[in-house]
């Protein structure tokens, strides 16, 4: 979750597509999309469908941090050890 929080925080308030998050975080789709769903259910992310960027392309979900998600990301970045992340880059 840390990599996703960081990627979204660094690009806030921009919306980010799941594919772009996979490239930024290195997570595979089988790990990333369930995580995004859990974070959305917990109120940390908002998601919305975006129209295709080109004809014939499917619509895609885009994600961004909610106010709660931004607050959590700030906390993690300010004191990673409080979250059991000693030595980790947040």
Protein backbone atom coordinates (compact mmCIF):
# COMPACT_ATOMS: atom_id res chain seq x y z
CA UNK A 1 0.00 0.00 0.00
CA UNK A 2 2.93 2.32 0.66
CA UNK A 3 4.00 2.42 -2.99
CA UNK A 4 0.45 3.23 -4.13
CA UNK A 5 0.00 5.92 -1.46
CA UNK A 6 3.31 7.49 -2.44
CA UNK A 7 2.60 7.42 -6.18
CA UNK A 8 -0.83 8.98 -5.73
CA UNK A 9 0.42 11.52 -3.19
CA UNK A 10 3.27 12.63 -5.43
CA UNK A 11 0.81 13.33 -8.26
CA UNK A 12 -2.10 14.72 -6.23
CA UNK A 13 -4.62 16.04 -7.09
CA UNK A 14 -4.18 14.43 -10.51
CA UNK A 15 -6.13 11.26 -11.29
CA UNK A 16 -4.03 8.23 -12.22
CA UNK A 17 -5.05 5.16 -14.21
CA UNK A 18 -4.37 1.72 -12.83
CA UNK A 19 -1.98 0.88 -15.67
CA UNK A 20 0.12 3.94 -14.85
CA UNK A 21 0.16 2.92 -11.18
CA UNK A 22 1.38 -0.55 -12.20
CA UNK A 23 4.26 1.03 -14.12
CA UNK A 24 5.14 3.41 -11.27
CA UNK A 25 4.91 0.92 -8.42
CA UNK A 26 6.03 -2.29 -10.10
CA UNK A 27 2.95 -4.09 -8.74
CA UNK A 28 1.24 -6.63 -10.96
CA UNK A 29 -2.45 -6.23 -11.77
CA UNK A 30 -3.42 -9.17 -9.54
CA UNK A 31 -2.00 -7.31 -6.55
CA UNK A 32 -2.72 -3.72 -7.52
CA UNK A 33 -6.41 -3.83 -8.43
CA UNK A 34 -7.58 -5.64 -5.26
CA UNK A 35 -5.52 -3.15 -3.25
CA UNK A 36 -7.12 -0.22 -5.09
CA UNK A 37 -10.57 -1.69 -4.39
CA UNK A 38 -9.80 -2.06 -0.66
CA UNK A 39 -8.39 1.46 -0.45
CA UNK A 40 -11.51 2.80 -2.20
CA UNK A 41 -13.80 0.86 0.18
CA UNK A 42 -11.91 2.34 3.15
CA UNK A 43 -12.39 5.86 1.84
CA UNK A 44 -8.73 6.49 1.00
CA UNK A 45 -9.28 6.72 -2.76
CA UNK A 46 -11.96 7.92 -5.11
CA UNK A 47 -12.32 6.32 -8.50
CA UNK A 48 -14.19 7.22 -11.64
CA UNK A 49 -14.59 5.97 -15.16
CA UNK A 50 -12.80 8.01 -17.81
CA UNK A 51 -13.79 8.16 -21.44
CA UNK A 52 -11.43 6.42 -23.85
CA UNK A 53 -8.51 8.50 -25.07
CA UNK A 54 -8.85 7.11 -28.60
CA UNK A 55 -11.67 5.54 -30.63
CA UNK A 56 -11.99 1.81 -30.07
CA UNK A 57 -10.31 1.93 -26.66
CA UNK A 58 -12.25 0.89 -23.54
CA UNK A 59 -13.07 3.35 -20.74
CA UNK A 60 -10.67 3.15 -17.79
CA UNK A 61 -10.80 3.78 -14.08
CA UNK A 62 -8.80 6.68 -12.70
CA UNK A 63 -7.91 7.00 -9.03
CA UNK A 64 -6.91 9.79 -6.68
CA UNK A 65 -6.52 10.20 -2.95
CA UNK A 66 -9.44 11.48 -0.90
CA UNK A 67 -8.87 13.90 1.98
CA UNK A 68 -8.47 10.87 4.27
CA UNK A 69 -6.01 9.29 1.87
CA UNK A 70 -3.99 12.50 1.64
CA UNK A 71 -3.88 12.75 5.43
CA UNK A 72 -2.68 9.15 5.75
CA UNK A 73 -0.03 9.64 3.05
CA UNK A 74 1.23 12.77 4.84
CA UNK A 75 1.43 10.87 8.14
CA UNK A 76 3.33 7.99 6.57
CA UNK A 77 5.74 10.32 4.80
CA UNK A 78 6.38 12.36 7.96
CA UNK A 79 6.96 9.39 10.29
CA UNK A 80 7.34 6.04 8.49
CA UNK A 81 8.56 4.37 11.71
CA UNK A 82 5.17 4.94 13.33
CA UNK A 83 3.78 2.61 10.67
CA UNK A 84 6.45 -0.06 11.07
CA UNK A 85 8.37 1.18 8.05
CA UNK A 86 11.74 1.98 9.59
CA UNK A 87 14.27 2.70 6.92
CA UNK A 88 11.62 2.62 4.20
CA UNK A 89 11.32 5.45 1.76
CA UNK A 90 7.81 6.84 1.91
